[in-house]
Structures are given as structure tokens and as C-alpha cells.
Amino acid sequence: MERLPGRQQVVFGQMDELRGIVMKKIHEQQETMDPGNPRDFIDRFLTRLNQEFHYENLVSTVLDLFLAGTETTSTTIRYAFMLLLKYPDIQEHVQQEIDTVIGRQRVPQMEETPFN
């Protein structure tokens, strides 16, 4: 596939770009990592590097997690929109709540989410 012309070449280039971003993030974390105090999955993986895992496994796993999370999020959003279209009374209630909490004069901010 790498030698054949076509749109897949664009996707291959984008995957290489994503891979580079992941590798940069891993490298940044490796430089600031405290093995006794792991911050996340990448730190935990790095502490086991060369014992059980290899660097390429880490890059591939992080890419898999990122892409799976992206797909899950987009599917959830599409499903929510479908439900709002199917039930206009709920859509109206959601809009009223947004207008009450945020108003119509500005865009919501990430700090206003209940997840922060």
C-alpha cells in the first residue's frame, strides 16, 4: 500500500504525524519522570521499559488508546444529537438549562464543566 498512489498516502502521512506527536510526549515525560511517583500510564510503562516492554510497544499502545478514545467520544456525541433530534421536548429542556447557566451572549468555557 505504501507504494501505490492514492488517498491512503494522506492517511499514512497523518499517522506518521500523530506517531511523532506521541513520541515527543513520551520523550518529554521520560525526561521529567520520577520512577517512585508515576503520574500516568506513560510513566508506568516507562518504568517497565526494557524489562517487559519495548519503546515501540509504548508508542503503539498510546496511539491505540488515543484513537479508541477519539472514536468513542465522537460516537457518543452523535448518539446524543440523535436522541435530542428524536425527543424535541428534552432538547428544549437542555437549551433552557444552557440559557440559564451560560446565557446566549457567550460561549461556554471548559472551567464550567462539572468534570473539572
PDB file of N, CA and C in Angstrom:
ATOM      1  N   MET A   1       0.822  -1.197   0.000  1.00  0.00           N
ATOM      2  CA  MET A   1       0.000   0.000   0.000  1.00  0.00           C
ATOM      3  C   MET A   1       0.868   1.263   0.000  1.00  0.00           C
ATOM      4  N   GLU A   2       2.061   1.162   0.570  1.00  0.00           N
ATOM      5  CA  GLU A   2       2.912   2.352   0.640  1.00  0.00           C
ATOM      6  C   GLU A   2       3.398   2.797  -0.732  1.00  0.00           C
ATOM      7  N   ARG A   3       3.474   1.866  -1.669  1.00  0.00           N
ATOM      8  CA  ARG A   3       3.998   2.194  -2.995  1.00  0.00           C
ATOM      9  C   ARG A   3       2.901   2.587  -3.988  1.00  0.00           C
ATOM     10  N   LEU A   4       1.659   2.310  -3.649  1.00  0.00           N
ATOM     11  CA  LEU A   4       0.554   2.627  -4.554  1.00  0.00           C
ATOM     12  C   LEU A   4       0.072   4.056  -4.332  1.00  0.00           C
ATOM     13  N   PRO A   5      -0.157   4.786  -5.429  1.00  0.00           N
ATOM     14  CA  PRO A   5      -0.689   6.139  -5.260  1.00  0.00           C
ATOM     15  C   PRO A   5      -2.147   6.080  -4.810  1.00  0.00           C
ATOM     16  N   GLY A   6      -2.572   7.116  -4.145  1.00  0.00           N
ATOM     17  CA  GLY A   6      -3.958   7.182  -3.713  1.00  0.00           C
ATOM     18  C   GLY A   6      -4.106   7.948  -2.420  1.00  0.00           C
ATOM     19  N   ARG A   7      -5.371   8.047  -1.991  1.00  0.00           N
ATOM     20  CA  ARG A   7      -5.665   8.830  -0.777  1.00  0.00           C
ATOM     21  C   ARG A   7      -5.092   8.201   0.485  1.00  0.00           C
ATOM     22  N   GLN A   8      -4.801   6.910   0.445  1.00  0.00           N
ATOM     23  CA  GLN A   8      -4.233   6.276   1.627  1.00  0.00           C
ATOM     24  C   GLN A   8      -2.893   6.908   2.003  1.00  0.00           C
ATOM     25  N   GLN A   9      -2.209   7.514   1.027  1.00  0.00           N
ATOM     26  CA  GLN A   9      -0.931   8.161   1.314  1.00  0.00           C
ATOM     27  C   GLN A   9      -1.116   9.335   2.274  1.00  0.00           C
ATOM     28  N   VAL A  10      -2.233  10.040   2.147  1.00  0.00           N
ATOM     29  CA  VAL A  10      -2.546  11.148   3.058  1.00  0.00           C
ATOM     30  C   VAL A  10      -2.724  10.602   4.472  1.00  0.00           C
ATOM     31  N   VAL A  11      -3.457   9.502   4.593  1.00  0.00           N
ATOM     32  CA  VAL A  11      -3.689   8.885   5.900  1.00  0.00           C
ATOM     33  C   VAL A  11      -2.368   8.403   6.494  1.00  0.00           C
ATOM     34  N   PHE A  12      -1.521   7.793   5.676  1.00  0.00           N
ATOM     35  CA  PHE A  12      -0.220   7.342   6.172  1.00  0.00           C
ATOM     36  C   PHE A  12       0.584   8.520   6.707  1.00  0.00           C
ATOM     37  N   GLY A  13       0.548   9.637   6.003  1.00  0.00           N
ATOM     38  CA  GLY A  13       1.259  10.833   6.457  1.00  0.00           C
ATOM     39  C   GLY A  13       0.701  11.359   7.766  1.00  0.00           C
ATOM     40  N   GLN A  14      -0.625  11.338   7.885  1.00  0.00           N
ATOM     41  CA  GLN A  14      -1.252  11.800   9.129  1.00  0.00           C
ATOM     42  C   GLN A  14      -0.907  10.875  10.289  1.00  0.00           C
ATOM     43  N   MET A  15      -0.866   9.578  10.039  1.00  0.00           N
ATOM     44  CA  MET A  15      -0.493   8.623  11.093  1.00  0.00           C
ATOM     45  C   MET A  15       0.957   8.843  11.526  1.00  0.00           C
ATOM     46  N   ASP A  16       1.827   9.120  10.566  1.00  0.00           N
ATOM     47  CA  ASP A  16       3.221   9.413  10.913  1.00  0.00           C
ATOM     48  C   ASP A  16       3.316  10.674  11.768  1.00  0.00           C
ATOM     49  N   GLU A  17       2.488  11.664  11.438  1.00  0.00           N
ATOM     50  CA  GLU A  17       2.468  12.905  12.213  1.00  0.00           C
ATOM     51  C   GLU A  17       1.979  12.640  13.641  1.00  0.00           C
ATOM     52  N   LEU A  18       0.906  11.864  13.779  1.00  0.00           N
ATOM     53  CA  LEU A  18       0.396  11.502  15.112  1.00  0.00           C
ATOM     54  C   LEU A  18       1.443  10.724  15.896  1.00  0.00           C
ATOM     55  N   ARG A  19       2.100   9.798  15.222  1.00  0.00           N
ATOM     56  CA  ARG A  19       3.147   8.998  15.858  1.00  0.00           C
ATOM     57  C   ARG A  19       4.261   9.909  16.389  1.00  0.00           C
ATOM     58  N   GLY A  20       4.613  10.932  15.606  1.00  0.00           N
ATOM     59  CA  GLY A  20       5.643  11.883  16.037  1.00  0.00           C
ATOM     60  C   GLY A  20       5.217  12.664  17.271  1.00  0.00           C
ATOM     61  N   ILE A  21       3.938  13.057  17.330  1.00  0.00           N
ATOM     62  CA  ILE A  21       3.419  13.782  18.492  1.00  0.00           C
ATOM     63  C   ILE A  21       3.487  12.903  19.734  1.00  0.00           C
ATOM     64  N   VAL A  22       3.079  11.638  19.587  1.00  0.00           N
ATOM     65  CA  VAL A  22       3.117  10.703  20.718  1.00  0.00           C
ATOM     66  C   VAL A  22       4.554  10.483  21.173  1.00  0.00           C
ATOM     67  N   MET A  23       5.462  10.303  20.242  1.00  0.00           N
ATOM     68  CA  MET A  23       6.866  10.080  20.604  1.00  0.00           C
ATOM     69  C   MET A  23       7.450  11.296  21.323  1.00  0.00           C
ATOM     70  N   LYS A  24       7.073  12.493  20.889  1.00  0.00           N
ATOM     71  CA  LYS A  24       7.544  13.718  21.546  1.00  0.00           C
ATOM     72  C   LYS A  24       7.036  13.776  22.987  1.00  0.00           C
ATOM     73  N   LYS A  25       5.753  13.462  23.187  1.00  0.00           N
ATOM     74  CA  LYS A  25       5.156  13.467  24.533  1.00  0.00           C
ATOM     75  C   LYS A  25       5.842  12.435  25.425  1.00  0.00           C
ATOM     76  N   ILE A  26       6.088  11.259  24.897  1.00  0.00           N
ATOM     77  CA  ILE A  26       6.771  10.214  25.675  1.00  0.00           C
ATOM     78  C   ILE A  26       8.159  10.683  26.072  1.00  0.00           C
ATOM     79  N   HIS A  27       8.873  11.279  25.129  1.00  0.00           N
ATOM     80  CA  HIS A  27      10.223  11.771  25.411  1.00  0.00           C
ATOM     81  C   HIS A  27      10.198  12.858  26.492  1.00  0.00           C
ATOM     82  N   GLU A  28       9.229  13.781  26.410  1.00  0.00           N
ATOM     83  CA  GLU A  28       9.104  14.832  27.433  1.00  0.00           C
ATOM     84  C   GLU A  28       8.861  14.221  28.811  1.00  0.00           C
ATOM     85  N   GLN A  29       7.976  13.232  28.857  1.00  0.00           N
ATOM     86  CA  GLN A  29       7.676  12.602  30.148  1.00  0.00           C
ATOM     87  C   GLN A  29       8.852  11.809  30.670  1.00  0.00           C
ATOM     88  N   GLN A  30       9.613  11.206  29.761  1.00  0.00           N
ATOM     89  CA  GLN A  30      10.765  10.415  30.176  1.00  0.00           C
ATOM     90  C   GLN A  30      11.807  11.312  30.851  1.00  0.00           C
ATOM     91  N   GLU A  31      11.940  12.540  30.367  1.00  0.00           N
ATOM     92  CA  GLU A  31      12.922  13.468  30.930  1.00  0.00           C
ATOM     93  C   GLU A  31      12.522  13.979  32.314  1.00  0.00           C
ATOM     94  N   THR A  32      11.229  14.059  32.600  1.00  0.00           N
ATOM     95  CA  THR A  32      10.758  14.613  33.867  1.00  0.00           C
ATOM     96  C   THR A  32      10.191  13.555  34.810  1.00  0.00           C
ATOM     97  N   MET A  33      10.352  12.299  34.449  1.00  0.00           N
ATOM     98  CA  MET A  33       9.741  11.218  35.212  1.00  0.00           C
ATOM     99  C   MET A  33      10.466  10.965  36.534  1.00  0.00           C
ATOM    100  N   ASP A  34       9.667  10.708  37.571  1.00  0.00           N
ATOM    101  CA  ASP A  34      10.175  10.250  38.867  1.00  0.00           C
ATOM    102  C   ASP A  34       9.673   8.812  39.025  1.00  0.00           C
ATOM    103  N   PRO A  35      10.558   7.818  38.899  1.00  0.00           N
ATOM    104  CA  PRO A  35      10.115   6.420  38.946  1.00  0.00           C
ATOM    105  C   PRO A  35       9.341   6.057  40.213  1.00  0.00           C
ATOM    106  N   GLY A  36       9.593   6.746  41.306  1.00  0.00           N
ATOM    107  CA  GLY A  36       8.892   6.463  42.552  1.00  0.00           C
ATOM    108  C   GLY A  36       7.523   7.114  42.639  1.00  0.00           C
ATOM    109  N   ASN A  37       7.217   8.006  41.701  1.00  0.00           N
ATOM    110  CA  ASN A  37       5.950   8.725  41.725  1.00  0.00           C
ATOM    111  C   ASN A  37       5.380   8.834  40.305  1.00  0.00           C
ATOM    112  N   PRO A  38       4.896   7.719  39.739  1.00  0.00           N
ATOM    113  CA  PRO A  38       4.377   7.773  38.366  1.00  0.00           C
ATOM    114  C   PRO A  38       3.113   8.624  38.271  1.00  0.00           C
ATOM    115  N   ARG A  39       3.031   9.449  37.205  1.00  0.00           N
ATOM    116  CA  ARG A  39       1.905  10.353  37.006  1.00  0.00           C
ATOM    117  C   ARG A  39       0.771   9.729  36.207  1.00  0.00           C
ATOM    118  N   ASP A  40       1.103   8.816  35.313  1.00  0.00           N
ATOM    119  CA  ASP A  40       0.070   8.278  34.427  1.00  0.00           C
ATOM    120  C   ASP A  40       0.544   6.983  33.781  1.00  0.00           C
ATOM    121  N   PHE A  41      -0.220   6.543  32.797  1.00  0.00           N
ATOM    122  CA  PHE A  41       0.064   5.302  32.084  1.00  0.00           C
ATOM    123  C   PHE A  41       1.454   5.312  31.464  1.00  0.00           C
ATOM    124  N   ILE A  42       1.825   6.424  30.846  1.00  0.00           N
ATOM    125  CA  ILE A  42       3.126   6.505  30.172  1.00  0.00           C
ATOM    126  C   ILE A  42       4.258   6.323  31.175  1.00  0.00           C
ATOM    127  N   ASP A  43       4.181   6.984  32.329  1.00  0.00           N
ATOM    128  CA  ASP A  43       5.221   6.822  33.345  1.00  0.00           C
ATOM    129  C   ASP A  43       5.320   5.371  33.808  1.00  0.00           C
ATOM    130  N   ARG A  44       4.182   4.744  34.041  1.00  0.00           N
ATOM    131  CA  ARG A  44       4.184   3.339  34.474  1.00  0.00           C
ATOM    132  C   ARG A  44       4.815   2.440  33.414  1.00  0.00           C
ATOM    133  N   PHE A  45       4.477   2.698  32.171  1.00  0.00           N
ATOM    134  CA  PHE A  45       5.031   1.910  31.080  1.00  0.00           C
ATOM    135  C   PHE A  45       6.543   2.128  31.003  1.00  0.00           C
ATOM    136  N   LEU A  46       6.980   3.376  31.143  1.00  0.00           N
ATOM    137  CA  LEU A  46       8.404   3.692  31.059  1.00  0.00           C
ATOM    138  C   LEU A  46       9.210   3.005  32.164  1.00  0.00           C
ATOM    139  N   THR A  47       8.614   2.846  33.347  1.00  0.00           N
ATOM    140  CA  THR A  47       9.344   2.174  34.431  1.00  0.00           C
ATOM    141  C   THR A  47       9.581   0.701  34.122  1.00  0.00           C
ATOM    142  N   ARG A  48       8.751   0.128  33.253  1.00  0.00           N
ATOM    143  CA  ARG A  48       8.883  -1.284  32.891  1.00  0.00           C
ATOM    144  C   ARG A  48       9.601  -1.476  31.554  1.00  0.00           C
ATOM    145  N   LEU A  49       9.982  -0.362  30.926  1.00  0.00           N
ATOM    146  CA  LEU A  49      10.657  -0.425  29.638  1.00  0.00           C
ATOM    147  C   LEU A  49      11.935  -1.246  29.770  1.00  0.00           C
ATOM    148  N   ASN A  50      12.232  -2.026  28.783  1.00  0.00           N
ATOM    149  CA  ASN A  50      13.399  -2.910  28.711  1.00  0.00           C
ATOM    150  C   ASN A  50      13.280  -4.142  29.603  1.00  0.00           C
ATOM    151  N   GLN A  51      12.401  -4.122  30.590  1.00  0.00           N
ATOM    152  CA  GLN A  51      12.190  -5.313  31.409  1.00  0.00           C
ATOM    153  C   GLN A  51      11.211  -6.240  30.686  1.00  0.00           C
ATOM    154  N   GLU A  52      10.030  -5.691  30.392  1.00  0.00           N
ATOM    155  CA  GLU A  52       8.985  -6.488  29.760  1.00  0.00           C
ATOM    156  C   GLU A  52       8.500  -5.873  28.460  1.00  0.00           C
ATOM    157  N   PHE A  53       8.682  -4.573  28.311  1.00  0.00           N
ATOM    158  CA  PHE A  53       8.126  -3.864  27.172  1.00  0.00           C
ATOM    159  C   PHE A  53       9.223  -3.168  26.375  1.00  0.00           C
ATOM    160  N   HIS A  54       8.862  -2.800  25.169  1.00  0.00           N
ATOM    161  CA  HIS A  54       9.784  -2.071  24.305  1.00  0.00           C
ATOM    162  C   HIS A  54       9.159  -0.736  23.937  1.00  0.00           C
ATOM    163  N   TYR A  55       9.994   0.211  23.543  1.00  0.00           N
ATOM    164  CA  TYR A  55       9.557   1.565  23.223  1.00  0.00           C
ATOM    165  C   TYR A  55       8.454   1.557  22.151  1.00  0.00           C
ATOM    166  N   GLU A  56       8.604   0.757  21.124  1.00  0.00           N
ATOM    167  CA  GLU A  56       7.596   0.703  20.061  1.00  0.00           C
ATOM    168  C   GLU A  56       6.245   0.228  20.592  1.00  0.00           C
ATOM    169  N   ASN A  57       6.263  -0.681  21.594  1.00  0.00           N
ATOM    170  CA  ASN A  57       5.007  -1.114  22.212  1.00  0.00           C
ATOM    171  C   ASN A  57       4.312   0.061  22.879  1.00  0.00           C
ATOM    172  N   LEU A  58       5.079   0.911  23.550  1.00  0.00           N
ATOM    173  CA  LEU A  58       4.512   2.073  24.230  1.00  0.00           C
ATOM    174  C   LEU A  58       3.884   3.029  23.221  1.00  0.00           C
ATOM    175  N   VAL A  59       4.603   3.347  22.152  1.00  0.00           N
ATOM    176  CA  VAL A  59       4.089   4.261  21.136  1.00  0.00           C
ATOM    177  C   VAL A  59       2.797   3.705  20.537  1.00  0.00           C
ATOM    178  N   SER A  60       2.786   2.441  20.180  1.00  0.00           N
ATOM    179  CA  SER A  60       1.599   1.820  19.582  1.00  0.00           C
ATOM    180  C   SER A  60       0.431   1.794  20.557  1.00  0.00           C
ATOM    181  N   THR A  61       0.694   1.497  21.822  1.00  0.00           N
ATOM    182  CA  THR A  61      -0.375   1.433  22.818  1.00  0.00           C
ATOM    183  C   THR A  61      -0.986   2.806  23.063  1.00  0.00           C
ATOM    184  N   VAL A  62      -0.155   3.838  23.176  1.00  0.00           N
ATOM    185  CA  VAL A  62      -0.668   5.200  23.381  1.00  0.00           C
ATOM    186  C   VAL A  62      -1.499   5.636  22.171  1.00  0.00           C
ATOM    187  N   LEU A  63      -1.040   5.332  20.969  1.00  0.00           N
ATOM    188  CA  LEU A  63      -1.818   5.654  19.765  1.00  0.00           C
ATOM    189  C   LEU A  63      -3.161   4.926  19.773  1.00  0.00           C
ATOM    190  N   ASP A  64      -3.139   3.646  20.137  1.00  0.00           N
ATOM    191  CA  ASP A  64      -4.391   2.880  20.207  1.00  0.00           C
ATOM    192  C   ASP A  64      -5.365   3.496  21.198  1.00  0.00           C
ATOM    193  N   LEU A  65      -4.872   3.866  22.371  1.00  0.00           N
ATOM    194  CA  LEU A  65      -5.735   4.474  23.388  1.00  0.00           C
ATOM    195  C   LEU A  65      -6.295   5.806  22.910  1.00  0.00           C
ATOM    196  N   PHE A  66      -5.455   6.614  22.287  1.00  0.00           N
ATOM    197  CA  PHE A  66      -5.893   7.919  21.791  1.00  0.00           C
ATOM    198  C   PHE A  66      -6.961   7.755  20.716  1.00  0.00           C
ATOM    199  N   LEU A  67      -6.704   6.890  19.746  1.00  0.00           N
ATOM    200  CA  LEU A  67      -7.649   6.708  18.652  1.00  0.00           C
ATOM    201  C   LEU A  67      -8.949   6.071  19.133  1.00  0.00           C
ATOM    202  N   ALA A  68      -8.861   5.125  20.060  1.00  0.00           N
ATOM    203  CA  ALA A  68     -10.075   4.499  20.594  1.00  0.00           C
ATOM    204  C   ALA A  68     -10.909   5.527  21.359  1.00  0.00           C
ATOM    205  N   GLY A  69     -10.254   6.371  22.129  1.00  0.00           N
ATOM    206  CA  GLY A  69     -10.963   7.413  22.873  1.00  0.00           C
ATOM    207  C   GLY A  69     -11.619   8.418  21.956  1.00  0.00           C
ATOM    208  N   THR A  70     -10.945   8.748  20.864  1.00  0.00           N
ATOM    209  CA  THR A  70     -11.500   9.687  19.902  1.00  0.00           C
ATOM    210  C   THR A  70     -12.752   9.115  19.258  1.00  0.00           C
ATOM    211  N   GLU A  71     -12.698   7.855  18.870  1.00  0.00           N
ATOM    212  CA  GLU A  71     -13.862   7.210  18.243  1.00  0.00           C
ATOM    213  C   GLU A  71     -15.021   7.116  19.226  1.00  0.00           C
ATOM    214  N   THR A  72     -14.742   6.728  20.459  1.00  0.00           N
ATOM    215  CA  THR A  72     -15.792   6.604  21.470  1.00  0.00           C
ATOM    216  C   THR A  72     -16.476   7.945  21.712  1.00  0.00           C
ATOM    217  N   THR A  73     -15.688   8.999  21.820  1.00  0.00           N
ATOM    218  CA  THR A  73     -16.242  10.330  22.060  1.00  0.00           C
ATOM    219  C   THR A  73     -17.122  10.776  20.906  1.00  0.00           C
ATOM    220  N   SER A  74     -16.654  10.608  19.688  1.00  0.00           N
ATOM    221  CA  SER A  74     -17.457  11.055  18.545  1.00  0.00           C
ATOM    222  C   SER A  74     -18.737  10.232  18.421  1.00  0.00           C
ATOM    223  N   THR A  75     -18.666   8.942  18.710  1.00  0.00           N
ATOM    224  CA  THR A  75     -19.868   8.104  18.661  1.00  0.00           C
ATOM    225  C   THR A  75     -20.874   8.544  19.721  1.00  0.00           C
ATOM    226  N   THR A  76     -20.401   8.848  20.905  1.00  0.00           N
ATOM    227  CA  THR A  76     -21.280   9.293  21.991  1.00  0.00           C
ATOM    228  C   THR A  76     -21.958  10.612  21.633  1.00  0.00           C
ATOM    229  N   ILE A  77     -21.210  11.533  21.066  1.00  0.00           N
ATOM    230  CA  ILE A  77     -21.781  12.830  20.681  1.00  0.00           C
ATOM    231  C   ILE A  77     -22.829  12.655  19.583  1.00  0.00           C
ATOM    232  N   ARG A  78     -22.532  11.828  18.588  1.00  0.00           N
ATOM    233  CA  ARG A  78     -23.516  11.577  17.527  1.00  0.00           C
ATOM    234  C   ARG A  78     -24.792  10.962  18.097  1.00  0.00           C
ATOM    235  N   TYR A  79     -24.639  10.033  19.025  1.00  0.00           N
ATOM    236  CA  TYR A  79     -25.798   9.390  19.636  1.00  0.00           C
ATOM    237  C   TYR A  79     -26.628  10.406  20.435  1.00  0.00           C
ATOM    238  N   ALA A  80     -25.939  11.272  21.168  1.00  0.00           N
ATOM    239  CA  ALA A  80     -26.646  12.304  21.942  1.00  0.00           C
ATOM    240  C   ALA A  80     -27.424  13.232  21.016  1.00  0.00           C
ATOM    241  N   PHE A  81     -26.831  13.648  19.917  1.00  0.00           N
ATOM    242  CA  PHE A  81     -27.540  14.502  18.960  1.00  0.00           C
ATOM    243  C   PHE A  81     -28.753  13.787  18.370  1.00  0.00           C
ATOM    244  N   MET A  82     -28.596  12.499  18.079  1.00  0.00           N
ATOM    245  CA  MET A  82     -29.713  11.738  17.542  1.00  0.00           C
ATOM    246  C   MET A  82     -30.869  11.703  18.549  1.00  0.00           C
ATOM    247  N   LEU A  83     -30.551  11.496  19.819  1.00  0.00           N
ATOM    248  CA  LEU A  83     -31.591  11.480  20.847  1.00  0.00           C
ATOM    249  C   LEU A  83     -32.264  12.840  20.985  1.00  0.00           C
ATOM    250  N   LEU A  84     -31.478  13.900  20.915  1.00  0.00           N
ATOM    251  CA  LEU A  84     -32.066  15.244  21.005  1.00  0.00           C
ATOM    252  C   LEU A  84     -32.982  15.531  19.823  1.00  0.00           C
ATOM    253  N   LEU A  85     -32.618  15.029  18.643  1.00  0.00           N
ATOM    254  CA  LEU A  85     -33.495  15.199  17.484  1.00  0.00           C
ATOM    255  C   LEU A  85     -34.777  14.383  17.629  1.00  0.00           C
ATOM    256  N   LYS A  86     -34.653  13.222  18.227  1.00  0.00           N
ATOM    257  CA  LYS A  86     -35.816  12.344  18.374  1.00  0.00           C
ATOM    258  C   LYS A  86     -36.778  12.837  19.452  1.00  0.00           C
ATOM    259  N   TYR A  87     -36.227  13.507  20.485  1.00  0.00           N
ATOM    260  CA  TYR A  87     -37.046  13.978  21.604  1.00  0.00           C
ATOM    261  C   TYR A  87     -36.906  15.492  21.751  1.00  0.00           C
ATOM    262  N   PRO A  88     -37.657  16.258  20.966  1.00  0.00           N
ATOM    263  CA  PRO A  88     -37.532  17.720  20.989  1.00  0.00           C
ATOM    264  C   PRO A  88     -37.868  18.338  22.342  1.00  0.00           C
ATOM    265  N   ASP A  89     -38.695  17.679  23.159  1.00  0.00           N
ATOM    266  CA  ASP A  89     -39.005  18.225  24.480  1.00  0.00           C
ATOM    267  C   ASP A  89     -37.764  18.199  25.379  1.00  0.00           C
ATOM    268  N   ILE A  90     -36.968  17.163  25.259  1.00  0.00           N
ATOM    269  CA  ILE A  90     -35.716  17.100  26.027  1.00  0.00           C
ATOM    270  C   ILE A  90     -34.723  18.113  25.473  1.00  0.00           C
ATOM    271  N   GLN A  91     -34.695  18.258  24.160  1.00  0.00           N
ATOM    272  CA  GLN A  91     -33.824  19.249  23.540  1.00  0.00           C
ATOM    273  C   GLN A  91     -34.165  20.645  24.059  1.00  0.00           C
ATOM    274  N   GLU A  92     -35.437  20.940  24.163  1.00  0.00           N
ATOM    275  CA  GLU A  92     -35.881  22.246  24.672  1.00  0.00           C
ATOM    276  C   GLU A  92     -35.438  22.436  26.129  1.00  0.00           C
ATOM    277  N   HIS A  93     -35.578  21.384  26.935  1.00  0.00           N
ATOM    278  CA  HIS A  93     -35.169  21.450  28.341  1.00  0.00           C
ATOM    279  C   HIS A  93     -33.656  21.688  28.450  1.00  0.00           C
ATOM    280  N   VAL A  94     -32.874  21.004  27.629  1.00  0.00           N
ATOM    281  CA  VAL A  94     -31.414  21.182  27.627  1.00  0.00           C
ATOM    282  C   VAL A  94     -31.069  22.617  27.238  1.00  0.00           C
ATOM    283  N   GLN A  95     -31.738  23.135  26.204  1.00  0.00           N
ATOM    284  CA  GLN A  95     -31.478  24.508  25.768  1.00  0.00           C
ATOM    285  C   GLN A  95     -31.811  25.512  26.871  1.00  0.00           C
ATOM    286  N   GLN A  96     -32.914  25.299  27.582  1.00  0.00           N
ATOM    287  CA  GLN A  96     -33.290  26.185  28.693  1.00  0.00           C
ATOM    288  C   GLN A  96     -32.227  26.164  29.790  1.00  0.00           C
ATOM    289  N   GLU A  97     -31.715  24.978  30.084  1.00  0.00           N
ATOM    290  CA  GLU A  97     -30.680  24.877  31.118  1.00  0.00           C
ATOM    291  C   GLU A  97     -29.402  25.594  30.684  1.00  0.00           C
ATOM    292  N   ILE A  98     -29.030  25.429  29.426  1.00  0.00           N
ATOM    293  CA  ILE A  98     -27.848  26.127  28.906  1.00  0.00           C
ATOM    294  C   ILE A  98     -28.058  27.634  28.990  1.00  0.00           C
ATOM    295  N   ASP A  99     -29.235  28.103  28.592  1.00  0.00           N
ATOM    296  CA  ASP A  99     -29.525  29.540  28.645  1.00  0.00           C
ATOM    297  C   ASP A  99     -29.489  30.063  30.075  1.00  0.00           C
ATOM    298  N   THR A 100     -29.966  29.259  31.032  1.00  0.00           N
ATOM    299  CA  THR A 100     -29.977  29.673  32.437  1.00  0.00           C
ATOM    300  C   THR A 100     -28.560  29.738  33.008  1.00  0.00           C
ATOM    301  N   VAL A 101     -27.769  28.728  32.729  1.00  0.00           N
ATOM    302  CA  VAL A 101     -26.427  28.640  33.325  1.00  0.00           C
ATOM    303  C   VAL A 101     -25.426  29.521  32.599  1.00  0.00           C
ATOM    304  N   ILE A 102     -25.469  29.545  31.272  1.00  0.00           N
ATOM    305  CA  ILE A 102     -24.456  30.237  30.485  1.00  0.00           C
ATOM    306  C   ILE A 102     -24.994  31.505  29.847  1.00  0.00           C
ATOM    307  N   GLY A 103     -26.237  31.464  29.386  1.00  0.00           N
ATOM    308  CA  GLY A 103     -26.805  32.585  28.654  1.00  0.00           C
ATOM    309  C   GLY A 103     -26.567  32.420  27.170  1.00  0.00           C
ATOM    310  N   ARG A 104     -27.055  33.377  26.407  1.00  0.00           N
ATOM    311  CA  ARG A 104     -26.889  33.305  24.947  1.00  0.00           C
ATOM    312  C   ARG A 104     -25.842  34.288  24.439  1.00  0.00           C
ATOM    313  N   GLN A 105     -25.222  35.027  25.349  1.00  0.00           N
ATOM    314  CA  GLN A 105     -24.303  36.083  24.939  1.00  0.00           C
ATOM    315  C   GLN A 105     -22.848  35.629  24.834  1.00  0.00           C
ATOM    316  N   ARG A 106     -22.545  34.414  25.320  1.00  0.00           N
ATOM    317  CA  ARG A 106     -21.144  33.977  25.294  1.00  0.00           C
ATOM    318  C   ARG A 106     -21.046  32.470  25.068  1.00  0.00           C
ATOM    319  N   VAL A 107     -19.841  32.026  24.825  1.00  0.00           N
ATOM    320  CA  VAL A 107     -19.555  30.615  24.571  1.00  0.00           C
ATOM    321  C   VAL A 107     -19.182  29.954  25.905  1.00  0.00           C
ATOM    322  N   PRO A 108     -19.632  28.734  26.153  1.00  0.00           N
ATOM    323  CA  PRO A 108     -19.260  28.054  27.406  1.00  0.00           C
ATOM    324  C   PRO A 108     -17.748  27.852  27.502  1.00  0.00           C
ATOM    325  N   GLN A 109     -17.240  27.842  28.714  1.00  0.00           N
ATOM    326  CA  GLN A 109     -15.819  27.638  28.968  1.00  0.00           C
ATOM    327  C   GLN A 109     -15.605  26.256  29.585  1.00  0.00           C
ATOM    328  N   MET A 110     -14.458  25.670  29.362  1.00  0.00           N
ATOM    329  CA  MET A 110     -14.146  24.348  29.876  1.00  0.00           C
ATOM    330  C   MET A 110     -14.204  24.329  31.411  1.00  0.00           C
ATOM    331  N   GLU A 111     -13.843  25.436  32.038  1.00  0.00           N
ATOM    332  CA  GLU A 111     -13.835  25.515  33.512  1.00  0.00           C
ATOM    333  C   GLU A 111     -15.227  25.358  34.099  1.00  0.00           C
ATOM    334  N   GLU A 112     -16.257  25.548  33.296  1.00  0.00           N
ATOM    335  CA  GLU A 112     -17.634  25.468  33.782  1.00  0.00           C
ATOM    336  C   GLU A 112     -18.200  24.045  33.769  1.00  0.00           C
ATOM    337  N   THR A 113     -17.432  23.101  33.271  1.00  0.00           N
ATOM    338  CA  THR A 113     -17.943  21.725  33.208  1.00  0.00           C
ATOM    339  C   THR A 113     -17.876  21.095  34.590  1.00  0.00           C
ATOM    340  N   PRO A 114     -18.772  20.174  34.865  1.00  0.00           N
ATOM    341  CA  PRO A 114     -18.755  19.515  36.172  1.00  0.00           C
ATOM    342  C   PRO A 114     -17.604  18.540  36.326  1.00  0.00           C
ATOM    343  N   PHE A 115     -16.818  18.318  35.267  1.00  0.00           N
ATOM    344  CA  PHE A 115     -15.733  17.332  35.300  1.00  0.00           C
ATOM    345  C   PHE A 115     -14.419  17.925  35.742  1.00  0.00           C
ATOM    346  N   ASN A 116     -14.333  19.232  35.931  1.00  0.00           N
ATOM    347  CA  ASN A 116     -13.067  19.852  36.336  1.00  0.00           C
ATOM    348  C   ASN A 116     -12.956  19.940  37.838  1.00  0.00           C
TER     349      ASN A 116
END
